């Protein structure tokens, strides 16, 4: 998981948010690397059931939330995340809207890191936000990750 090599110094003790969580692998990896807690948001209820089961079996502080990312982000208001990872489906076309939702939801801790995965050679971000500034892009074959800081 190359992403964790990039953000290694930020994980210990972090509040981690995993958007489009799928199996929750990023949430569990964050916990295994020292994150204090993780929230995984995924629309697929079967995946959420699996995340909940693993969290219970492994006694991992991972909370699984079933729902649409855009509906759930505003509901997190009042919680502050140090690291946010989003892995939307490759057919996803709402990157600017996702970035804006994270920016305006008041869920970012000071100096938070936001990473959004997207397809190679795509430039999905066209907006500037008030809190998030582009940091860099990491390229791993067909997968690129654009990183932002608050």
N, C-alpha and C. Protein backbone atom coordinates (compact mmCIF):
# COMPACT_ATOMS: atom_id res chain seq x y z
N UNK A 1 0.84 -1.18 0.00
CA UNK A 1 0.00 0.00 0.00
C UNK A 1 0.88 1.24 0.00
N UNK A 2 1.18 1.68 -1.18
CA UNK A 2 2.08 2.81 -1.37
C UNK A 2 1.60 4.07 -0.65
N UNK A 3 0.30 4.26 -0.58
CA UNK A 3 -0.23 5.45 0.08
C UNK A 3 0.31 5.58 1.49
N UNK A 4 0.39 4.49 2.23
CA UNK A 4 0.83 4.55 3.62
C UNK A 4 2.31 4.87 3.74
N UNK A 5 3.07 4.61 2.70
CA UNK A 5 4.47 5.04 2.71
C UNK A 5 4.55 6.56 2.61
N UNK A 6 3.64 7.16 1.88
CA UNK A 6 3.60 8.62 1.72
C UNK A 6 3.22 9.30 3.03
N UNK A 7 2.23 8.76 3.69
CA UNK A 7 1.67 9.44 4.87
C UNK A 7 2.08 8.80 6.19
N UNK A 8 3.11 7.99 6.18
CA UNK A 8 3.50 7.22 7.37
C UNK A 8 3.58 8.07 8.64
N UNK A 9 4.18 9.24 8.55
CA UNK A 9 4.37 10.06 9.75
C UNK A 9 3.06 10.65 10.26
N UNK A 10 2.01 10.63 9.47
CA UNK A 10 0.73 11.21 9.88
C UNK A 10 -0.24 10.20 10.48
N UNK A 11 0.05 8.93 10.37
CA UNK A 11 -0.91 7.89 10.75
C UNK A 11 -0.98 7.66 12.25
N UNK A 12 0.14 7.65 12.94
CA UNK A 12 0.15 7.32 14.36
C UNK A 12 -0.76 8.26 15.14
N UNK A 13 -1.77 7.69 15.76
CA UNK A 13 -2.72 8.47 16.56
C UNK A 13 -3.78 9.19 15.76
N UNK A 14 -3.79 9.01 14.45
CA UNK A 14 -4.70 9.76 13.57
C UNK A 14 -6.15 9.27 13.64
N UNK A 15 -7.03 10.19 13.33
CA UNK A 15 -8.42 9.87 13.04
C UNK A 15 -8.47 9.72 11.52
N UNK A 16 -8.88 8.56 11.03
CA UNK A 16 -8.80 8.20 9.62
C UNK A 16 -10.20 8.06 9.05
N UNK A 17 -10.42 8.64 7.88
CA UNK A 17 -11.71 8.52 7.19
C UNK A 17 -11.48 7.85 5.85
N UNK A 18 -12.20 6.78 5.61
CA UNK A 18 -12.06 5.95 4.41
C UNK A 18 -13.35 6.08 3.61
N UNK A 19 -13.28 6.82 2.50
CA UNK A 19 -14.46 7.06 1.66
C UNK A 19 -14.46 6.09 0.48
N UNK A 20 -15.64 5.59 0.13
CA UNK A 20 -15.77 4.54 -0.89
C UNK A 20 -14.92 3.35 -0.42
N UNK A 21 -15.17 2.91 0.79
CA UNK A 21 -14.29 2.01 1.52
C UNK A 21 -14.18 0.60 0.95
N UNK A 22 -15.15 0.15 0.19
CA UNK A 22 -15.08 -1.21 -0.33
C UNK A 22 -14.98 -2.20 0.81
N UNK A 23 -13.92 -2.98 0.84
CA UNK A 23 -13.73 -3.99 1.88
C UNK A 23 -13.21 -3.40 3.20
N UNK A 24 -12.85 -2.13 3.19
CA UNK A 24 -12.33 -1.49 4.39
C UNK A 24 -10.84 -1.68 4.58
N UNK A 25 -10.17 -2.17 3.55
CA UNK A 25 -8.75 -2.49 3.68
C UNK A 25 -7.92 -1.28 4.12
N UNK A 26 -8.25 -0.08 3.64
CA UNK A 26 -7.49 1.10 4.04
C UNK A 26 -7.74 1.44 5.51
N UNK A 27 -8.95 1.26 5.97
CA UNK A 27 -9.25 1.51 7.39
C UNK A 27 -8.45 0.57 8.27
N UNK A 28 -8.46 -0.70 7.94
CA UNK A 28 -7.74 -1.67 8.77
C UNK A 28 -6.23 -1.49 8.67
N UNK A 29 -5.74 -1.12 7.52
CA UNK A 29 -4.31 -0.85 7.38
C UNK A 29 -3.92 0.36 8.22
N UNK A 30 -4.76 1.40 8.21
CA UNK A 30 -4.47 2.58 9.03
C UNK A 30 -4.40 2.21 10.51
N UNK A 31 -5.34 1.39 10.96
CA UNK A 31 -5.34 0.96 12.36
C UNK A 31 -4.09 0.14 12.66
N UNK A 32 -3.72 -0.74 11.74
CA UNK A 32 -2.53 -1.57 11.98
C UNK A 32 -1.25 -0.75 12.04
N UNK A 33 -1.31 0.45 11.44
CA UNK A 33 -0.13 1.33 11.46
C UNK A 33 -0.20 2.39 12.55
N UNK A 34 -1.19 2.28 13.43
CA UNK A 34 -1.22 3.14 14.60
C UNK A 34 -2.29 4.21 14.64
N UNK A 35 -3.19 4.26 13.66
CA UNK A 35 -4.29 5.23 13.72
C UNK A 35 -5.14 4.94 14.95
N UNK A 36 -5.65 5.98 15.56
CA UNK A 36 -6.47 5.83 16.76
C UNK A 36 -7.83 5.21 16.45
N UNK A 37 -8.41 5.63 15.32
CA UNK A 37 -9.73 5.14 14.92
C UNK A 37 -9.92 5.42 13.44
N UNK A 38 -10.85 4.67 12.85
CA UNK A 38 -11.19 4.86 11.44
C UNK A 38 -12.69 4.76 11.26
N UNK A 39 -13.17 5.54 10.31
CA UNK A 39 -14.56 5.44 9.86
C UNK A 39 -14.52 5.07 8.39
N UNK A 40 -15.25 4.02 8.04
CA UNK A 40 -15.32 3.55 6.66
C UNK A 40 -16.74 3.80 6.14
N UNK A 41 -16.84 4.53 5.05
CA UNK A 41 -18.15 4.79 4.43
C UNK A 41 -18.20 4.07 3.09
N UNK A 42 -19.23 3.27 2.93
CA UNK A 42 -19.40 2.47 1.72
C UNK A 42 -20.89 2.30 1.47
N UNK A 43 -21.27 2.34 0.22
CA UNK A 43 -22.68 2.22 -0.14
C UNK A 43 -23.15 0.77 -0.13
N UNK A 44 -22.28 -0.16 -0.44
CA UNK A 44 -22.65 -1.57 -0.53
C UNK A 44 -22.84 -2.17 0.87
N UNK A 45 -24.04 -2.59 1.17
CA UNK A 45 -24.36 -3.07 2.52
C UNK A 45 -23.64 -4.39 2.85
N UNK A 46 -23.39 -5.22 1.87
CA UNK A 46 -22.66 -6.47 2.11
C UNK A 46 -21.22 -6.15 2.54
N UNK A 47 -20.61 -5.17 1.89
CA UNK A 47 -19.26 -4.75 2.28
C UNK A 47 -19.25 -4.19 3.69
N UNK A 48 -20.26 -3.41 4.02
CA UNK A 48 -20.35 -2.83 5.37
C UNK A 48 -20.48 -3.92 6.41
N UNK A 49 -21.28 -4.94 6.12
CA UNK A 49 -21.43 -6.06 7.07
C UNK A 49 -20.09 -6.75 7.29
N UNK A 50 -19.33 -6.91 6.22
CA UNK A 50 -18.01 -7.54 6.33
C UNK A 50 -17.06 -6.69 7.16
N UNK A 51 -17.07 -5.37 6.92
CA UNK A 51 -16.21 -4.47 7.70
C UNK A 51 -16.57 -4.55 9.18
N UNK A 52 -17.86 -4.51 9.48
CA UNK A 52 -18.30 -4.58 10.88
C UNK A 52 -17.87 -5.89 11.53
N UNK A 53 -18.02 -6.98 10.79
CA UNK A 53 -17.63 -8.29 11.31
C UNK A 53 -16.13 -8.35 11.60
N UNK A 54 -15.31 -7.87 10.65
CA UNK A 54 -13.86 -7.88 10.85
C UNK A 54 -13.46 -6.97 12.01
N UNK A 55 -14.08 -5.81 12.09
CA UNK A 55 -13.74 -4.89 13.18
C UNK A 55 -14.02 -5.53 14.53
N UNK A 56 -15.13 -6.25 14.62
CA UNK A 56 -15.47 -6.92 15.87
C UNK A 56 -14.51 -8.08 16.16
N UNK A 57 -14.25 -8.90 15.14
CA UNK A 57 -13.34 -10.05 15.31
C UNK A 57 -11.95 -9.62 15.72
N UNK A 58 -11.48 -8.54 15.11
CA UNK A 58 -10.11 -8.08 15.34
C UNK A 58 -10.02 -7.03 16.45
N UNK A 59 -11.16 -6.71 17.05
CA UNK A 59 -11.21 -5.68 18.08
C UNK A 59 -10.55 -4.39 17.59
N UNK A 60 -10.90 -4.02 16.37
CA UNK A 60 -10.32 -2.84 15.72
C UNK A 60 -11.29 -1.67 15.83
N UNK A 61 -10.79 -0.48 16.16
CA UNK A 61 -11.65 0.70 16.27
C UNK A 61 -12.04 1.26 14.90
N UNK A 62 -12.78 0.44 14.15
CA UNK A 62 -13.26 0.84 12.83
C UNK A 62 -14.78 0.87 12.88
N UNK A 63 -15.34 2.01 12.51
CA UNK A 63 -16.78 2.18 12.44
C UNK A 63 -17.18 2.15 10.98
N UNK A 64 -18.14 1.31 10.63
CA UNK A 64 -18.60 1.19 9.26
C UNK A 64 -19.95 1.87 9.11
N UNK A 65 -20.07 2.70 8.08
CA UNK A 65 -21.30 3.44 7.83
C UNK A 65 -21.77 3.11 6.42
N UNK A 66 -22.99 2.61 6.32
CA UNK A 66 -23.59 2.31 5.01
C UNK A 66 -24.28 3.55 4.50
N UNK A 67 -23.87 4.00 3.33
CA UNK A 67 -24.54 5.16 2.75
C UNK A 67 -23.73 5.79 1.64
N UNK A 68 -24.37 6.73 1.00
CA UNK A 68 -23.73 7.50 -0.05
C UNK A 68 -22.74 8.48 0.58
N UNK A 69 -21.55 8.53 0.03
CA UNK A 69 -20.50 9.40 0.57
C UNK A 69 -20.97 10.85 0.68
N UNK A 70 -21.66 11.34 -0.34
CA UNK A 70 -22.08 12.74 -0.34
C UNK A 70 -23.14 13.02 0.72
N UNK A 71 -23.93 12.03 1.05
CA UNK A 71 -24.93 12.21 2.12
C UNK A 71 -24.29 12.07 3.49
N UNK A 72 -23.28 11.22 3.60
CA UNK A 72 -22.68 10.93 4.91
C UNK A 72 -21.64 11.95 5.35
N UNK A 73 -20.91 12.54 4.44
CA UNK A 73 -19.86 13.51 4.83
C UNK A 73 -20.42 14.63 5.71
N UNK A 74 -21.53 15.28 5.35
CA UNK A 74 -22.05 16.35 6.22
C UNK A 74 -22.47 15.85 7.61
N UNK A 75 -22.84 14.58 7.71
CA UNK A 75 -23.25 14.02 9.00
C UNK A 75 -22.07 13.81 9.95
N UNK A 76 -20.86 13.92 9.42
CA UNK A 76 -19.66 13.76 10.25
C UNK A 76 -19.23 15.06 10.92
N UNK A 77 -19.95 16.13 10.63
CA UNK A 77 -19.61 17.45 11.20
C UNK A 77 -19.42 17.33 12.71
N UNK A 78 -18.36 17.95 13.19
CA UNK A 78 -18.05 17.87 14.61
C UNK A 78 -16.99 16.83 14.92
N UNK A 79 -16.71 15.96 13.96
CA UNK A 79 -15.59 15.02 14.07
C UNK A 79 -14.49 15.55 13.17
N UNK A 80 -13.27 15.42 13.59
CA UNK A 80 -12.16 15.98 12.80
C UNK A 80 -11.19 14.86 12.43
N UNK A 81 -10.85 14.82 11.15
CA UNK A 81 -10.01 13.76 10.61
C UNK A 81 -8.65 14.30 10.22
N UNK A 82 -7.64 13.50 10.54
CA UNK A 82 -6.26 13.85 10.21
C UNK A 82 -5.88 13.36 8.83
N UNK A 83 -6.43 12.22 8.44
CA UNK A 83 -6.15 11.64 7.14
C UNK A 83 -7.46 11.14 6.55
N UNK A 84 -7.70 11.52 5.29
CA UNK A 84 -8.89 11.07 4.56
C UNK A 84 -8.41 10.42 3.27
N UNK A 85 -8.90 9.22 3.01
CA UNK A 85 -8.57 8.53 1.76
C UNK A 85 -9.86 8.22 1.02
N UNK A 86 -9.92 8.60 -0.24
CA UNK A 86 -11.10 8.33 -1.06
C UNK A 86 -10.69 7.52 -2.28
N UNK A 87 -11.37 6.41 -2.49
CA UNK A 87 -11.10 5.54 -3.62
C UNK A 87 -12.40 5.31 -4.38
N UNK A 88 -12.88 6.35 -5.09
CA UNK A 88 -14.14 6.19 -5.81
C UNK A 88 -13.99 5.24 -6.99
N UNK A 89 -15.11 4.73 -7.51
CA UNK A 89 -15.03 3.87 -8.69
C UNK A 89 -14.41 4.63 -9.86
N UNK A 90 -13.75 3.92 -10.76
CA UNK A 90 -13.08 4.60 -11.87
C UNK A 90 -14.03 5.30 -12.82
N UNK A 91 -15.28 4.92 -12.82
CA UNK A 91 -16.26 5.61 -13.67
C UNK A 91 -16.77 6.90 -13.01
N UNK A 92 -16.26 7.19 -11.83
CA UNK A 92 -16.68 8.35 -11.03
C UNK A 92 -16.40 9.64 -11.80
N UNK A 93 -17.34 10.55 -11.79
CA UNK A 93 -17.15 11.81 -12.49
C UNK A 93 -17.38 13.03 -11.63
N UNK A 94 -17.37 12.85 -10.30
CA UNK A 94 -17.74 13.96 -9.41
C UNK A 94 -16.59 14.35 -8.48
N UNK A 95 -15.37 14.37 -9.01
CA UNK A 95 -14.20 14.66 -8.18
C UNK A 95 -14.25 16.06 -7.57
N UNK A 96 -14.59 17.06 -8.37
CA UNK A 96 -14.67 18.42 -7.83
C UNK A 96 -15.72 18.51 -6.73
N UNK A 97 -16.84 17.85 -6.93
CA UNK A 97 -17.92 17.85 -5.94
C UNK A 97 -17.45 17.15 -4.65
N UNK A 98 -16.70 16.07 -4.80
CA UNK A 98 -16.17 15.36 -3.63
C UNK A 98 -15.20 16.25 -2.85
N UNK A 99 -14.29 16.88 -3.57
CA UNK A 99 -13.33 17.77 -2.92
C UNK A 99 -14.05 18.91 -2.20
N UNK A 100 -15.04 19.49 -2.84
CA UNK A 100 -15.81 20.58 -2.23
C UNK A 100 -16.57 20.09 -0.99
N UNK A 101 -17.13 18.88 -1.06
CA UNK A 101 -17.88 18.34 0.09
C UNK A 101 -16.96 18.16 1.29
N UNK A 102 -15.77 17.64 1.05
CA UNK A 102 -14.80 17.47 2.14
C UNK A 102 -14.39 18.83 2.69
N UNK A 103 -14.15 19.77 1.80
CA UNK A 103 -13.69 21.10 2.18
C UNK A 103 -14.71 21.85 3.03
N UNK A 104 -15.97 21.75 2.68
CA UNK A 104 -16.99 22.57 3.35
C UNK A 104 -17.65 21.89 4.54
N UNK A 105 -17.38 20.62 4.78
CA UNK A 105 -18.08 19.88 5.83
C UNK A 105 -17.57 20.15 7.24
N UNK A 106 -16.47 20.88 7.37
CA UNK A 106 -15.89 21.16 8.68
C UNK A 106 -15.53 19.86 9.41
N UNK A 107 -14.76 19.00 8.69
CA UNK A 107 -14.34 17.72 9.26
C UNK A 107 -12.82 17.57 9.23
N UNK A 108 -12.10 18.60 8.81
CA UNK A 108 -10.65 18.52 8.68
C UNK A 108 -9.94 19.04 9.92
N UNK A 109 -9.02 18.24 10.44
CA UNK A 109 -8.18 18.74 11.51
C UNK A 109 -7.17 19.71 10.90
N UNK A 110 -6.45 20.41 11.75
CA UNK A 110 -5.38 21.28 11.23
C UNK A 110 -4.35 20.41 10.54
N UNK A 111 -3.89 20.84 9.40
CA UNK A 111 -2.87 20.12 8.64
C UNK A 111 -3.30 18.71 8.26
N UNK A 112 -4.57 18.53 7.93
CA UNK A 112 -5.08 17.23 7.49
C UNK A 112 -4.53 16.89 6.11
N UNK A 113 -4.45 15.61 5.83
CA UNK A 113 -4.05 15.11 4.52
C UNK A 113 -5.25 14.44 3.89
N UNK A 114 -5.57 14.84 2.66
CA UNK A 114 -6.67 14.24 1.90
C UNK A 114 -6.07 13.64 0.65
N UNK A 115 -6.36 12.37 0.42
CA UNK A 115 -5.85 11.67 -0.76
C UNK A 115 -7.03 11.13 -1.55
N UNK A 116 -7.03 11.42 -2.84
CA UNK A 116 -8.11 10.94 -3.70
C UNK A 116 -7.50 10.17 -4.86
N UNK A 117 -7.90 8.91 -4.96
CA UNK A 117 -7.40 8.04 -6.01
C UNK A 117 -8.20 8.25 -7.29
N UNK A 118 -7.49 8.19 -8.42
CA UNK A 118 -8.16 8.32 -9.72
C UNK A 118 -7.33 7.63 -10.78
N UNK A 119 -7.89 7.56 -11.98
CA UNK A 119 -7.22 6.88 -13.08
C UNK A 119 -5.99 7.63 -13.56
N UNK A 120 -5.04 6.87 -14.02
CA UNK A 120 -3.81 7.40 -14.61
C UNK A 120 -4.15 8.39 -15.72
N UNK A 121 -3.35 9.41 -15.80
CA UNK A 121 -3.44 10.45 -16.83
C UNK A 121 -4.74 11.26 -16.81
N UNK A 122 -5.52 11.12 -15.76
CA UNK A 122 -6.72 11.97 -15.66
C UNK A 122 -6.38 13.17 -14.79
N UNK A 123 -6.99 14.26 -15.08
CA UNK A 123 -6.85 15.49 -14.28
C UNK A 123 -8.24 15.86 -13.81
N UNK A 124 -8.75 15.15 -12.79
CA UNK A 124 -10.16 15.30 -12.44
C UNK A 124 -10.51 16.53 -11.62
N UNK A 125 -9.52 17.28 -11.14
CA UNK A 125 -9.79 18.39 -10.25
C UNK A 125 -9.63 19.71 -11.00
N UNK A 126 -10.69 20.51 -11.00
CA UNK A 126 -10.64 21.79 -11.70
C UNK A 126 -10.94 22.97 -10.78
N UNK A 127 -11.27 22.69 -9.52
CA UNK A 127 -11.66 23.78 -8.62
C UNK A 127 -10.58 24.05 -7.58
N UNK A 128 -10.62 25.23 -7.03
CA UNK A 128 -9.82 25.59 -5.85
C UNK A 128 -10.79 25.56 -4.68
N UNK A 129 -10.31 25.13 -3.53
CA UNK A 129 -11.19 25.16 -2.36
C UNK A 129 -10.60 26.12 -1.33
N UNK A 130 -11.41 26.47 -0.36
CA UNK A 130 -10.96 27.43 0.66
C UNK A 130 -9.92 26.83 1.58
N UNK A 131 -10.09 25.57 1.96
CA UNK A 131 -9.21 24.96 2.96
C UNK A 131 -8.17 24.02 2.36
N UNK A 132 -8.49 23.36 1.28
CA UNK A 132 -7.60 22.33 0.73
C UNK A 132 -6.74 22.86 -0.39
N UNK A 133 -5.46 22.58 -0.30
CA UNK A 133 -4.50 23.00 -1.32
C UNK A 133 -3.81 21.74 -1.86
N UNK A 134 -3.65 21.69 -3.17
CA UNK A 134 -2.98 20.54 -3.79
C UNK A 134 -1.55 20.46 -3.28
N UNK A 135 -1.14 19.28 -2.91
CA UNK A 135 0.20 19.04 -2.40
C UNK A 135 1.07 18.37 -3.46
N UNK A 136 0.59 17.25 -3.97
CA UNK A 136 1.33 16.52 -5.00
C UNK A 136 0.47 15.40 -5.56
N UNK A 137 0.99 14.77 -6.58
CA UNK A 137 0.33 13.60 -7.14
C UNK A 137 1.32 12.45 -7.11
N UNK A 138 0.88 11.31 -6.64
CA UNK A 138 1.70 10.09 -6.62
C UNK A 138 1.18 9.19 -7.74
N UNK A 139 2.08 8.66 -8.53
CA UNK A 139 1.70 7.85 -9.68
C UNK A 139 2.19 6.42 -9.50
N UNK A 140 1.25 5.47 -9.58
CA UNK A 140 1.54 4.06 -9.42
C UNK A 140 0.88 3.30 -10.56
N UNK A 141 1.55 3.18 -11.68
CA UNK A 141 0.98 2.47 -12.82
C UNK A 141 -0.31 3.13 -13.28
N UNK A 142 -1.38 2.37 -13.25
CA UNK A 142 -2.68 2.87 -13.71
C UNK A 142 -3.41 3.69 -12.64
N UNK A 143 -2.85 3.73 -11.44
CA UNK A 143 -3.49 4.44 -10.33
C UNK A 143 -2.68 5.68 -9.99
N UNK A 144 -3.36 6.80 -9.91
CA UNK A 144 -2.76 8.03 -9.43
C UNK A 144 -3.50 8.47 -8.19
N UNK A 145 -2.78 9.08 -7.27
CA UNK A 145 -3.37 9.60 -6.05
C UNK A 145 -3.00 11.07 -5.95
N UNK A 146 -4.00 11.94 -5.91
CA UNK A 146 -3.75 13.36 -5.74
C UNK A 146 -3.93 13.68 -4.26
N UNK A 147 -2.93 14.36 -3.71
CA UNK A 147 -2.90 14.67 -2.29
C UNK A 147 -3.13 16.16 -2.06
N UNK A 148 -3.91 16.45 -1.04
CA UNK A 148 -4.23 17.82 -0.64
C UNK A 148 -3.95 17.97 0.85
N UNK A 149 -3.64 19.17 1.29
CA UNK A 149 -3.50 19.45 2.71
C UNK A 149 -4.40 20.62 3.09
N UNK A 150 -4.77 20.63 4.36
CA UNK A 150 -5.62 21.73 4.84
C UNK A 150 -4.78 22.78 5.52
